[in-house]
Amino acid sequence: MFHTLFSPSVQHSLDVAGIFVFAISGALLAVRKNFDVFGMAVLAEITALGGGLLRDVIIGAVPPAAFTDLGYFSTPLVATALVFFLHPQVERIQGAVNVFDAAGLGLFCVTGTTKAYEYGLGLTASAVLGLGSAVGGGVLRDVLANEVPSLLRWDRDLYAVPAIVGATTAAVCLRFDALNAFTSSLAVLTAFLLRLLAMRYHWRAPRAWNRRSSAEEDVTG
């Protein structure tokens, strides 16, 4: 369904752009962890393609697009090469990278939802896989880098919530047969803007009510 809303070339370009930005974040984390170039490539690939790969395996879209489209697989390698040689400069434009990352988040939560629905899943399950498509790669990246996933840390700005809103918006549009180029773009834009606002105003999810934990709070990550 989603592939009928935009031309294949436009859809492919959007996917590759999102993959590239996600891969940049993976490669940068590898640099901070002092990984070698192979480790950088692994983190770039898993960050960029992990969420979509898990989604495709779950819905039975095999072989996954990550293995059938050379552009999808090679784009993280290009990002790795860029970060390998120019990581100080890339670090300096981290703010811009975060903006594009937010755009990729919005795009993938919507495309993931619609693709799961195309393969016969219900609306709720489709929205869950839309969320997984958007954030799954980042979770796998953090696990491989031996870090608590950013998704689970209270001291990080909202990331999953914007994706949930975008995926849910797409699911509601599907429910009322109202998914088209305008409404899908609106869903993407909603998730994108929520993520930008969360970064700008440091919005965070609440922790347990009347929490009585004695554990030290790590806010340095």
C-alpha atoms as a PDB file:
ATOM      1  CA  MET A   1       0.000   0.000   0.000  1.00  0.00           C
ATOM      2  CA  PHE A   2       2.627   2.523   1.036  1.00  0.00           C
ATOM      3  CA  HIS A   3       4.639   1.904  -2.101  1.00  0.00           C
ATOM      4  CA  THR A   4       1.652   3.096  -4.143  1.00  0.00           C
ATOM      5  CA  LEU A   5       1.604   6.476  -2.396  1.00  0.00           C
ATOM      6  CA  PHE A   6       4.947   7.602  -3.769  1.00  0.00           C
ATOM      7  CA  SER A   7       6.854   6.631  -6.883  1.00  0.00           C
ATOM      8  CA  PRO A   8       9.331   3.760  -6.375  1.00  0.00           C
ATOM      9  CA  SER A   9      12.282   6.081  -6.989  1.00  0.00           C
ATOM     10  CA  VAL A  10      11.084   8.581  -4.372  1.00  0.00           C
ATOM     11  CA  GLN A  11      10.388   5.832  -1.836  1.00  0.00           C
ATOM     12  CA  HIS A  12      13.785   4.253  -2.448  1.00  0.00           C
ATOM     13  CA  SER A  13      15.561   7.602  -2.075  1.00  0.00           C
ATOM     14  CA  LEU A  14      13.796   8.271   1.236  1.00  0.00           C
ATOM     15  CA  ASP A  15      14.706   4.810   2.522  1.00  0.00           C
ATOM     16  CA  VAL A  16      18.366   5.207   1.556  1.00  0.00           C
ATOM     17  CA  ALA A  17      18.538   8.654   3.172  1.00  0.00           C
ATOM     18  CA  GLY A  18      17.099   7.295   6.427  1.00  0.00           C
ATOM     19  CA  ILE A  19      19.454   4.315   6.332  1.00  0.00           C
ATOM     20  CA  PHE A  20      22.440   6.611   5.798  1.00  0.00           C
ATOM     21  CA  VAL A  21      21.675   8.800   8.813  1.00  0.00           C
ATOM     22  CA  PHE A  22      21.009   5.832  11.098  1.00  0.00           C
ATOM     23  CA  ALA A  23      24.291   4.301   9.925  1.00  0.00           C
ATOM     24  CA  ILE A  24      26.147   7.511  10.784  1.00  0.00           C
ATOM     25  CA  SER A  25      24.925   7.267  14.386  1.00  0.00           C
ATOM     26  CA  GLY A  26      26.080   3.661  14.601  1.00  0.00           C
ATOM     27  CA  ALA A  27      29.514   4.425  13.214  1.00  0.00           C
ATOM     28  CA  LEU A  28      29.942   7.405  15.547  1.00  0.00           C
ATOM     29  CA  LEU A  29      29.164   5.248  18.576  1.00  0.00           C
ATOM     30  CA  ALA A  30      31.781   2.770  17.371  1.00  0.00           C
ATOM     31  CA  VAL A  31      34.353   5.584  17.218  1.00  0.00           C
ATOM     32  CA  ARG A  32      33.481   6.640  20.774  1.00  0.00           C
ATOM     33  CA  LYS A  33      33.906   3.008  21.860  1.00  0.00           C
ATOM     34  CA  ASN A  34      37.293   2.841  20.123  1.00  0.00           C
ATOM     35  CA  PHE A  35      36.175   0.057  17.763  1.00  0.00           C
ATOM     36  CA  ASP A  36      38.191  -0.752  14.650  1.00  0.00           C
ATOM     37  CA  VAL A  37      36.867  -0.206  11.141  1.00  0.00           C
ATOM     38  CA  PHE A  38      35.147  -3.595  11.080  1.00  0.00           C
ATOM     39  CA  GLY A  39      33.363  -2.818  14.321  1.00  0.00           C
ATOM     40  CA  MET A  40      32.317   0.535  12.871  1.00  0.00           C
ATOM     41  CA  ALA A  41      30.854  -1.185   9.812  1.00  0.00           C
ATOM     42  CA  VAL A  42      28.991  -3.729  11.938  1.00  0.00           C
ATOM     43  CA  LEU A  43      27.421  -1.054  14.138  1.00  0.00           C
ATOM     44  CA  ALA A  44      26.549   1.058  11.099  1.00  0.00           C
ATOM     45  CA  GLU A  45      24.870  -1.876   9.345  1.00  0.00           C
ATOM     46  CA  ILE A  46      22.957  -3.081  12.386  1.00  0.00           C
ATOM     47  CA  THR A  47      21.778   0.410  13.309  1.00  0.00           C
ATOM     48  CA  ALA A  48      20.581   1.186   9.811  1.00  0.00           C
ATOM     49  CA  LEU A  49      19.070  -2.161   8.853  1.00  0.00           C
ATOM     50  CA  GLY A  50      18.374  -4.018  12.101  1.00  0.00           C
ATOM     51  CA  GLY A  51      14.840  -2.765  12.679  1.00  0.00           C
ATOM     52  CA  GLY A  52      13.693  -3.414   9.129  1.00  0.00           C
ATOM     53  CA  LEU A  53      15.412  -6.793   9.093  1.00  0.00           C
ATOM     54  CA  LEU A  54      13.572  -7.942  12.222  1.00  0.00           C
ATOM     55  CA  ARG A  55      10.273  -6.656  10.817  1.00  0.00           C
ATOM     56  CA  ASP A  56      10.715  -8.464   7.511  1.00  0.00           C
ATOM     57  CA  VAL A  57      11.616 -11.746   9.198  1.00  0.00           C
ATOM     58  CA  ILE A  58       8.580 -11.516  11.506  1.00  0.00           C
ATOM     59  CA  ILE A  59       6.099 -10.770   8.715  1.00  0.00           C
ATOM     60  CA  GLY A  60       7.637 -13.299   6.327  1.00  0.00           C
ATOM     61  CA  ALA A  61       8.945 -10.790   3.792  1.00  0.00           C
ATOM     62  CA  VAL A  62      11.943 -12.948   2.947  1.00  0.00           C
ATOM     63  CA  PRO A  63      14.590 -12.570   1.850  1.00  0.00           C
ATOM     64  CA  PRO A  64      14.570  -9.208   3.649  1.00  0.00           C
ATOM     65  CA  ALA A  65      15.018  -6.042   1.614  1.00  0.00           C
ATOM     66  CA  ALA A  66      18.373  -5.499   3.326  1.00  0.00           C
ATOM     67  CA  PHE A  67      19.708  -8.504   1.377  1.00  0.00           C
ATOM     68  CA  THR A  68      17.927  -7.996  -1.931  1.00  0.00           C
ATOM     69  CA  ASP A  69      18.771  -4.336  -2.520  1.00  0.00           C
ATOM     70  CA  LEU A  70      22.479  -3.625  -2.831  1.00  0.00           C
ATOM     71  CA  GLY A  71      21.841   0.060  -2.157  1.00  0.00           C
ATOM     72  CA  TYR A  72      20.405  -0.713   1.265  1.00  0.00           C
ATOM     73  CA  PHE A  73      23.393  -2.855   2.238  1.00  0.00           C
ATOM     74  CA  SER A  74      26.121  -0.626   0.771  1.00  0.00           C
ATOM     75  CA  THR A  75      24.822   2.700   2.142  1.00  0.00           C
ATOM     76  CA  PRO A  76      25.959   1.944   5.734  1.00  0.00           C
ATOM     77  CA  LEU A  77      29.407   1.101   4.348  1.00  0.00           C
ATOM     78  CA  VAL A  78      29.571   4.527   2.713  1.00  0.00           C
ATOM     79  CA  ALA A  79      28.563   6.088   6.039  1.00  0.00           C
ATOM     80  CA  THR A  80      31.281   4.055   7.762  1.00  0.00           C
ATOM     81  CA  ALA A  81      33.933   5.330   5.354  1.00  0.00           C
ATOM     82  CA  LEU A  82      32.775   8.906   5.892  1.00  0.00           C
ATOM     83  CA  VAL A  83      32.953   8.621   9.670  1.00  0.00           C
ATOM     84  CA  PHE A  84      36.253   6.704   9.518  1.00  0.00           C
ATOM     85  CA  PHE A  85      38.015   9.585   7.772  1.00  0.00           C
ATOM     86  CA  LEU A  86      35.989  12.580   8.933  1.00  0.00           C
ATOM     87  CA  HIS A  87      34.584  11.701  12.350  1.00  0.00           C
ATOM     88  CA  PRO A  88      35.780  14.937  14.052  1.00  0.00           C
ATOM     89  CA  GLN A  89      33.911  16.976  11.461  1.00  0.00           C
ATOM     90  CA  VAL A  90      30.847  14.733  11.670  1.00  0.00           C
ATOM     91  CA  GLU A  91      30.849  15.060  15.471  1.00  0.00           C
ATOM     92  CA  ARG A  92      30.762  18.844  15.068  1.00  0.00           C
ATOM     93  CA  ILE A  93      27.534  18.651  13.073  1.00  0.00           C
ATOM     94  CA  GLN A  94      25.911  16.231  15.513  1.00  0.00           C
ATOM     95  CA  GLY A  95      22.932  18.562  15.828  1.00  0.00           C
ATOM     96  CA  ALA A  96      22.218  18.304  12.111  1.00  0.00           C
ATOM     97  CA  VAL A  97      22.688  14.525  12.245  1.00  0.00           C
ATOM     98  CA  ASN A  98      20.114  14.366  15.048  1.00  0.00           C
ATOM     99  CA  VAL A  99      17.621  16.306  12.952  1.00  0.00           C
ATOM    100  CA  PHE A 100      17.999  13.897  10.048  1.00  0.00           C
ATOM    101  CA  ASP A 101      17.844  10.987  12.473  1.00  0.00           C
ATOM    102  CA  ALA A 102      14.478  12.322  13.678  1.00  0.00           C
ATOM    103  CA  ALA A 103      13.300  12.439  10.070  1.00  0.00           C
ATOM    104  CA  GLY A 104      14.384   8.817   9.584  1.00  0.00           C
ATOM    105  CA  LEU A 105      12.549   7.857  12.756  1.00  0.00           C
ATOM    106  CA  GLY A 106       9.345   9.398  11.437  1.00  0.00           C
ATOM    107  CA  LEU A 107       9.712   7.774   8.030  1.00  0.00           C
ATOM    108  CA  PHE A 108      10.480   4.263   9.233  1.00  0.00           C
ATOM    109  CA  CYS A 109       7.755   4.098  11.896  1.00  0.00           C
ATOM    110  CA  VAL A 110       5.169   4.816   9.180  1.00  0.00           C
ATOM    111  CA  THR A 111       6.622   2.626   6.435  1.00  0.00           C
ATOM    112  CA  GLY A 112       7.107  -0.197   8.922  1.00  0.00           C
ATOM    113  CA  THR A 113       3.491  -0.003  10.039  1.00  0.00           C
ATOM    114  CA  THR A 114       2.094   0.001   6.527  1.00  0.00           C
ATOM    115  CA  LYS A 115       4.342  -2.829   5.336  1.00  0.00           C
ATOM    116  CA  ALA A 116       3.343  -5.013   8.279  1.00  0.00           C
ATOM    117  CA  TYR A 117      -0.321  -4.303   7.522  1.00  0.00           C
ATOM    118  CA  GLU A 118       0.209  -5.240   3.868  1.00  0.00           C
ATOM    119  CA  TYR A 119       1.427  -8.646   5.024  1.00  0.00           C
ATOM    120  CA  GLY A 120      -1.763  -9.359   6.934  1.00  0.00           C
ATOM    121  CA  LEU A 121      -1.078  -8.213  10.478  1.00  0.00           C
ATOM    122  CA  GLY A 122      -3.728  -6.442  12.515  1.00  0.00           C
ATOM    123  CA  LEU A 123      -3.553  -2.732  13.204  1.00  0.00           C
ATOM    124  CA  THR A 124      -2.060  -3.022  16.695  1.00  0.00           C
ATOM    125  CA  ALA A 125       0.576  -5.542  15.651  1.00  0.00           C
ATOM    126  CA  SER A 126       1.375  -3.422  12.595  1.00  0.00           C
ATOM    127  CA  ALA A 127       1.928  -0.347  14.761  1.00  0.00           C
ATOM    128  CA  VAL A 128       4.189  -2.342  17.092  1.00  0.00           C
ATOM    129  CA  LEU A 129       6.285  -3.476  14.153  1.00  0.00           C
ATOM    130  CA  GLY A 130       6.336   0.085  12.874  1.00  0.00           C
ATOM    131  CA  LEU A 131       7.865   1.094  16.191  1.00  0.00           C
ATOM    132  CA  GLY A 132      10.299  -1.804  15.960  1.00  0.00           C
ATOM    133  CA  SER A 133      11.320  -0.768  12.451  1.00  0.00           C
ATOM    134  CA  ALA A 134      12.161   2.721  13.680  1.00  0.00           C
ATOM    135  CA  VAL A 135      13.985   1.937  16.918  1.00  0.00           C
ATOM    136  CA  GLY A 136      15.064  -1.704  16.644  1.00  0.00           C
ATOM    137  CA  GLY A 137      18.376  -0.954  14.982  1.00  0.00           C
ATOM    138  CA  GLY A 138      19.326   1.506  17.702  1.00  0.00           C
ATOM    139  CA  VAL A 139      18.546  -1.045  20.416  1.00  0.00           C
ATOM    140  CA  LEU A 140      20.683  -3.691  18.702  1.00  0.00           C
ATOM    141  CA  ARG A 141      23.470  -1.129  18.268  1.00  0.00           C
ATOM    142  CA  ASP A 142      23.535  -0.301  21.971  1.00  0.00           C
ATOM    143  CA  VAL A 143      23.435  -3.963  23.005  1.00  0.00           C
ATOM    144  CA  LEU A 144      26.383  -4.797  20.744  1.00  0.00           C
ATOM    145  CA  ALA A 145      28.265  -1.788  22.132  1.00  0.00           C
ATOM    146  CA  ASN A 146      27.609  -3.018  25.694  1.00  0.00           C
ATOM    147  CA  GLU A 147      25.446  -0.023  26.604  1.00  0.00           C
ATOM    148  CA  VAL A 148      22.012   0.239  28.164  1.00  0.00           C
ATOM    149  CA  PRO A 149      19.794   0.951  25.142  1.00  0.00           C
ATOM    150  CA  SER A 150      18.987   4.642  24.892  1.00  0.00           C
ATOM    151  CA  LEU A 151      15.376   3.598  24.502  1.00  0.00           C
ATOM    152  CA  LEU A 152      15.327   2.426  28.134  1.00  0.00           C
ATOM    153  CA  ARG A 153      17.200   5.287  29.773  1.00  0.00           C
ATOM    154  CA  TRP A 154      15.235   7.877  31.696  1.00  0.00           C
ATOM    155  CA  ASP A 155      17.898  10.523  31.151  1.00  0.00           C
ATOM    156  CA  ARG A 156      17.492  10.543  27.353  1.00  0.00           C
ATOM    157  CA  ASP A 157      15.024  12.684  25.429  1.00  0.00           C
ATOM    158  CA  LEU A 158      11.898  10.944  24.171  1.00  0.00           C
ATOM    159  CA  TYR A 159      12.627   8.697  21.214  1.00  0.00           C
ATOM    160  CA  ALA A 160      10.177   5.812  21.234  1.00  0.00           C
ATOM    161  CA  VAL A 161       7.147   7.974  22.033  1.00  0.00           C
ATOM    162  CA  PRO A 162       7.339  10.009  18.793  1.00  0.00           C
ATOM    163  CA  ALA A 163       7.666   6.745  16.856  1.00  0.00           C
ATOM    164  CA  ILE A 164       4.659   5.309  18.693  1.00  0.00           C
ATOM    165  CA  VAL A 165       2.615   8.386  17.803  1.00  0.00           C
ATOM    166  CA  GLY A 166       3.655   8.179  14.150  1.00  0.00           C
ATOM    167  CA  ALA A 167       2.936   4.458  13.907  1.00  0.00           C
ATOM    168  CA  THR A 168      -0.417   4.859  15.652  1.00  0.00           C
ATOM    169  CA  THR A 169      -1.394   7.710  13.339  1.00  0.00           C
ATOM    170  CA  ALA A 170      -0.644   5.506  10.345  1.00  0.00           C
ATOM    171  CA  ALA A 171      -2.634   2.642  11.869  1.00  0.00           C
ATOM    172  CA  VAL A 172      -5.642   4.882  12.477  1.00  0.00           C
ATOM    173  CA  CYS A 173      -5.502   6.065   8.868  1.00  0.00           C
ATOM    174  CA  LEU A 174      -5.398   2.445   7.739  1.00  0.00           C
ATOM    175  CA  ARG A 175      -8.387   1.649   9.949  1.00  0.00           C
ATOM    176  CA  PHE A 176     -10.507   4.260   8.213  1.00  0.00           C
ATOM    177  CA  ASP A 177      -9.049   3.590   4.762  1.00  0.00           C
ATOM    178  CA  ALA A 178      -7.639   7.106   4.765  1.00  0.00           C
ATOM    179  CA  LEU A 179      -3.963   6.418   4.184  1.00  0.00           C
ATOM    180  CA  ASN A 180      -2.757   8.439   1.240  1.00  0.00           C
ATOM    181  CA  ALA A 181       0.216  10.600   0.335  1.00  0.00           C
ATOM    182  CA  PHE A 182      -1.050  13.454   2.491  1.00  0.00           C
ATOM    183  CA  THR A 183      -1.984  11.502   5.626  1.00  0.00           C
ATOM    184  CA  SER A 184       1.132   9.333   5.520  1.00  0.00           C
ATOM    185  CA  SER A 185       3.286  12.440   5.173  1.00  0.00           C
ATOM    186  CA  LEU A 186       1.367  13.956   8.094  1.00  0.00           C
ATOM    187  CA  ALA A 187       2.111  10.893  10.232  1.00  0.00           C
ATOM    188  CA  VAL A 188       5.804  11.118   9.359  1.00  0.00           C
ATOM    189  CA  LEU A 189       5.843  14.843  10.087  1.00  0.00           C
ATOM    190  CA  THR A 190       4.089  14.368  13.433  1.00  0.00           C
ATOM    191  CA  ALA A 191       6.686  11.887  14.660  1.00  0.00           C
ATOM    192  CA  PHE A 192       9.485  14.070  13.303  1.00  0.00           C
ATOM    193  CA  LEU A 193       8.266  17.237  15.037  1.00  0.00           C
ATOM    194  CA  LEU A 194       7.638  15.447  18.329  1.00  0.00           C
ATOM    195  CA  ARG A 195      11.192  14.154  18.300  1.00  0.00           C
ATOM    196  CA  LEU A 196      12.562  17.619  17.529  1.00  0.00           C
ATOM    197  CA  LEU A 197      10.523  19.136  20.349  1.00  0.00           C
ATOM    198  CA  ALA A 198      11.711  16.420  22.731  1.00  0.00           C
ATOM    199  CA  MET A 199      15.323  17.253  21.870  1.00  0.00           C
ATOM    200  CA  ARG A 200      14.729  20.984  22.115  1.00  0.00           C
ATOM    201  CA  TYR A 201      12.927  20.934  25.469  1.00  0.00           C
ATOM    202  CA  HIS A 202      14.429  17.702  26.853  1.00  0.00           C
ATOM    203  CA  TRP A 203      11.110  15.936  27.243  1.00  0.00           C
ATOM    204  CA  ARG A 204      11.458  12.633  29.071  1.00  0.00           C
ATOM    205  CA  ALA A 205       9.099   9.879  30.105  1.00  0.00           C
ATOM    206  CA  PRO A 206       8.118   9.787  33.799  1.00  0.00           C
ATOM    207  CA  ARG A 207       9.633   7.231  36.123  1.00  0.00           C
ATOM    208  CA  ALA A 208       7.767   5.166  38.721  1.00  0.00           C
ATOM    209  CA  TRP A 209       5.487   7.146  41.042  1.00  0.00           C
ATOM    210  CA  ASN A 210       6.982   7.721  44.500  1.00  0.00           C
ATOM    211  CA  ARG A 211      10.149   5.929  43.445  1.00  0.00           C
ATOM    212  CA  ARG A 212      12.282   4.819  46.406  1.00  0.00           C
ATOM    213  CA  SER A 213      15.371   3.527  44.612  1.00  0.00           C
ATOM    214  CA  SER A 214      18.772   3.810  46.295  1.00  0.00           C
ATOM    215  CA  ALA A 215      20.644   3.038  43.073  1.00  0.00           C
ATOM    216  CA  GLU A 216      22.958   5.707  41.794  1.00  0.00           C
ATOM    217  CA  GLU A 217      21.624   7.673  38.859  1.00  0.00           C
ATOM    218  CA  ASP A 218      23.936   7.681  35.866  1.00  0.00           C
ATOM    219  CA  VAL A 219      23.346  10.796  33.811  1.00  0.00           C
ATOM    220  CA  THR A 220      26.713  10.871  32.110  1.00  0.00           C
ATOM    221  CA  GLY A 221      25.851   8.626  29.136  1.00  0.00           C
END
